[in-house]
Amino acid sequence: MSVQERKERERAERERLIVATARELAEQQGWDAVTTRRLAERIEYSQPVLYSHFRGKREIIGAVALEGAAEMAAAVRAAASGANGPRERVAALARAYLDFAARNPAVYDALFQLDGGLAYAQEDTPEPLKDAFAALLESLGEVAGDGVHPGLFTEVFWAALHGLATLTRAGRLLPEDAERRVELLVDRLAMV
């Protein structure tokens, strides 16, 4: 291994450490607790080293969002692939999405609530975000119904899931009705 390859590997490892530490801190104490000073202290590097990887908190949020998008896509695909039939796939997808949002609130915020400097629904949308949408589209497109554009249907279904995730987390919805909400959403929107 050349010196350059070793330096690149070390840089990538440092970057992963920064992102993992930011994510851990955000999950424990919220995004307000994530500062470059605190991150530098936790990873035991100077702030200039941190700034050599990310220009600031916004880019760190974006990196956490991209990592989270890949994880969410994998969770949704795994849930949908284990289900039989279109209705069961859609219900499994919805449960997996809502479970991901509940288990990873800081990551979910990085994806959908905070400014991580990422472009959504545009030409320059990063691949992990496109793939997360594709993971939803794979199961939802088949239940959009006649004459309904699969992408548009997926956006509406996703918006409904996002609303459920956000309202549940804020304590605005009774937790004991969570499963009934998923069933109602699937029954009313998915043409199966």
Protein backbone atom coordinates (compact mmCIF):
# COMPACT_ATOMS: atom_id res chain seq x y z
CA MET A 1 0.00 0.00 0.00
CA SER A 2 1.37 3.37 -0.96
CA VAL A 3 1.60 6.33 1.39
CA GLN A 4 -1.12 8.08 -0.62
CA GLU A 5 -3.47 5.10 -0.33
CA ARG A 6 -2.87 4.90 3.40
CA LYS A 7 -3.59 8.63 3.81
CA GLU A 8 -6.80 8.30 1.79
CA ARG A 9 -7.89 5.33 3.90
CA GLU A 10 -7.12 7.22 7.12
CA ARG A 11 -9.04 10.25 5.84
CA ALA A 12 -12.07 8.09 5.00
CA GLU A 13 -11.92 6.46 8.44
CA ARG A 14 -11.75 9.89 10.11
CA GLU A 15 -14.73 11.05 8.07
CA ARG A 16 -16.75 7.97 9.09
CA LEU A 17 -15.82 8.65 12.71
CA ILE A 18 -17.01 12.26 12.46
CA VAL A 19 -20.34 11.21 10.93
CA ALA A 20 -20.87 8.37 13.41
CA THR A 21 -20.04 10.61 16.35
CA ALA A 22 -22.33 13.39 15.13
CA ARG A 23 -25.13 10.90 14.65
CA GLU A 24 -24.60 9.38 18.10
CA LEU A 25 -24.52 12.78 19.76
CA ALA A 26 -27.63 13.93 17.88
CA GLU A 27 -29.52 10.75 18.80
CA GLN A 28 -28.56 11.16 22.47
CA GLN A 29 -28.93 14.93 22.93
CA GLY A 30 -30.47 16.38 19.77
CA TRP A 31 -28.92 18.27 16.87
CA ASP A 32 -28.43 21.43 18.93
CA ALA A 33 -25.80 19.53 20.92
CA VAL A 34 -23.82 18.78 17.76
CA THR A 35 -21.18 21.47 17.40
CA THR A 36 -17.82 21.29 15.71
CA ARG A 37 -16.15 21.95 19.07
CA ARG A 38 -17.95 19.07 20.79
CA LEU A 39 -17.31 16.76 17.85
CA ALA A 40 -13.62 17.63 17.82
CA GLU A 41 -13.42 16.89 21.54
CA ARG A 42 -15.24 13.57 21.22
CA ILE A 43 -13.19 12.28 18.31
CA GLU A 44 -9.99 13.70 19.78
CA TYR A 45 -9.01 15.72 16.74
CA SER A 46 -8.69 19.46 16.40
CA GLN A 47 -11.43 21.57 14.88
CA PRO A 48 -9.24 22.34 11.84
CA VAL A 49 -9.06 18.59 11.15
CA LEU A 50 -12.84 18.41 11.33
CA TYR A 51 -13.11 21.40 8.96
CA SER A 52 -10.76 19.66 6.54
CA HIS A 53 -13.55 17.09 6.06
CA PHE A 54 -16.69 19.20 6.39
CA ARG A 55 -17.22 22.94 6.02
CA GLY A 56 -19.51 22.92 9.02
CA LYS A 57 -22.49 21.41 10.73
CA ARG A 58 -24.68 21.67 7.63
CA GLU A 59 -22.42 19.31 5.67
CA ILE A 60 -22.24 16.93 8.62
CA ILE A 61 -26.05 16.84 8.73
CA GLY A 62 -26.02 16.11 5.01
CA ALA A 63 -23.57 13.23 5.49
CA VAL A 64 -25.75 11.77 8.25
CA ALA A 65 -28.79 12.14 5.98
CA LEU A 66 -27.11 10.27 3.12
CA GLU A 67 -26.07 7.46 5.44
CA GLY A 68 -29.60 7.33 6.84
CA ALA A 69 -31.16 7.28 3.38
CA ALA A 70 -29.14 4.18 2.50
CA GLU A 71 -30.18 2.50 5.76
CA MET A 72 -33.84 3.41 5.26
CA ALA A 73 -33.79 2.06 1.69
CA ALA A 74 -32.31 -1.21 2.93
CA ALA A 75 -34.88 -1.51 5.73
CA VAL A 76 -37.81 -0.82 3.40
CA ARG A 77 -36.56 -3.27 0.79
CA ALA A 78 -35.93 -5.98 3.37
CA ALA A 79 -39.42 -5.59 4.84
CA ALA A 80 -41.13 -5.55 1.46
CA SER A 81 -39.17 -8.53 0.13
CA GLY A 82 -40.28 -10.66 3.07
CA ALA A 83 -43.97 -10.08 2.44
CA ASN A 84 -46.34 -12.01 0.17
CA GLY A 85 -48.54 -10.13 -2.23
CA PRO A 86 -48.85 -6.43 -3.03
CA ARG A 87 -50.96 -5.43 -0.02
CA GLU A 88 -48.66 -7.17 2.43
CA ARG A 89 -45.60 -5.59 0.75
CA VAL A 90 -47.08 -2.11 1.06
CA ALA A 91 -48.08 -2.65 4.69
CA ALA A 92 -44.61 -4.04 5.49
CA LEU A 93 -43.00 -1.07 3.72
CA ALA A 94 -45.14 1.37 5.74
CA ARG A 95 -44.29 -0.34 9.04
CA ALA A 96 -40.58 -0.42 8.17
CA TYR A 97 -40.59 3.27 7.26
CA LEU A 98 -42.39 4.28 10.45
CA ASP A 99 -40.15 2.01 12.53
CA PHE A 100 -37.04 3.55 10.97
CA ALA A 101 -38.32 7.05 11.76
CA ALA A 102 -39.10 6.10 15.36
CA ARG A 103 -35.79 4.29 16.00
CA ASN A 104 -33.63 6.96 14.35
CA PRO A 105 -35.16 10.36 15.14
CA ALA A 106 -31.97 12.38 14.62
CA VAL A 107 -31.28 10.67 11.30
CA TYR A 108 -34.90 11.19 10.26
CA ASP A 109 -34.56 14.88 11.12
CA ALA A 110 -31.34 15.07 9.10
CA LEU A 111 -33.17 13.52 6.15
CA PHE A 112 -36.38 15.53 6.21
CA GLN A 113 -36.36 18.38 8.72
CA LEU A 114 -32.91 19.96 8.78
CA ASP A 115 -30.90 21.72 6.11
CA GLY A 116 -28.08 19.40 5.14
CA GLY A 117 -27.48 21.20 1.88
CA LEU A 118 -28.86 18.31 -0.16
CA ALA A 119 -30.95 18.65 -3.30
CA TYR A 120 -34.19 16.67 -3.31
CA ALA A 121 -36.19 15.76 -6.43
CA GLN A 122 -33.68 17.41 -8.75
CA GLU A 123 -31.07 16.37 -11.27
CA ASP A 124 -28.27 16.72 -8.72
CA THR A 125 -30.04 14.77 -5.98
CA PRO A 126 -27.44 12.46 -4.41
CA GLU A 127 -27.77 8.78 -5.25
CA PRO A 128 -28.63 7.60 -1.71
CA LEU A 129 -31.67 9.90 -1.70
CA LYS A 130 -32.72 8.74 -5.15
CA ASP A 131 -32.31 5.14 -4.03
CA ALA A 132 -34.43 5.69 -0.91
CA PHE A 133 -37.24 6.99 -3.10
CA ALA A 134 -36.70 4.09 -5.52
CA ALA A 135 -37.06 1.66 -2.61
CA LEU A 136 -40.51 3.09 -1.93
CA LEU A 137 -41.43 3.21 -5.61
CA GLU A 138 -40.55 -0.46 -6.13
CA SER A 139 -43.45 -1.61 -3.96
CA LEU A 140 -45.78 1.36 -4.22
CA GLY A 141 -45.68 1.71 -7.98
CA GLU A 142 -47.48 -1.59 -8.41
CA VAL A 143 -50.44 -0.44 -6.30
CA ALA A 144 -50.87 3.09 -7.68
CA GLY A 145 -53.99 2.22 -9.63
CA ASP A 146 -54.96 2.74 -13.24
CA GLY A 147 -54.19 6.14 -14.68
CA VAL A 148 -52.10 7.22 -11.67
CA HIS A 149 -48.46 7.98 -12.24
CA PRO A 150 -46.46 5.61 -9.96
CA GLY A 151 -43.99 8.34 -8.96
CA LEU A 152 -46.76 10.73 -8.00
CA PHE A 153 -48.54 8.01 -6.03
CA THR A 154 -45.29 7.21 -4.22
CA GLU A 155 -44.86 10.88 -3.30
CA VAL A 156 -48.38 11.02 -1.83
CA PHE A 157 -47.97 7.75 0.08
CA TRP A 158 -44.55 8.88 1.33
CA ALA A 159 -46.04 12.22 2.44
CA ALA A 160 -48.71 10.34 4.40
CA LEU A 161 -46.03 8.19 6.06
CA HIS A 162 -43.98 11.27 6.85
CA GLY A 163 -47.02 12.90 8.42
CA LEU A 164 -47.70 9.83 10.55
CA ALA A 165 -44.05 9.62 11.62
CA THR A 166 -43.85 13.30 12.48
CA LEU A 167 -47.18 13.52 14.30
CA THR A 168 -46.52 10.31 16.23
CA ARG A 169 -43.12 11.51 17.36
CA ALA A 170 -44.58 14.84 18.46
CA GLY A 171 -47.14 12.98 20.60
CA ARG A 172 -50.05 14.26 18.51
CA LEU A 173 -51.39 10.76 17.73
CA LEU A 174 -52.36 8.01 20.13
CA PRO A 175 -49.72 5.27 20.00
CA GLU A 176 -52.26 2.48 20.45
CA ASP A 177 -53.81 3.32 17.07
CA ALA A 178 -50.54 3.10 15.11
CA GLU A 179 -51.30 -0.24 13.46
CA ARG A 180 -54.86 0.81 12.59
CA ARG A 181 -53.46 3.92 10.87
CA VAL A 182 -51.14 1.80 8.74
CA GLU A 183 -53.99 -0.54 7.79
CA LEU A 184 -56.24 2.42 6.91
CA LEU A 185 -53.55 4.05 4.82
CA VAL A 186 -52.87 0.86 2.90
CA ASP A 187 -56.57 0.05 2.44
CA ARG A 188 -57.50 3.54 1.21
CA LEU A 189 -54.54 4.40 -0.98
CA ALA A 190 -53.16 1.15 -2.33
CA MET A 191 -55.18 -0.35 -5.17
CA VAL A 192 -54.71 -4.03 -4.38
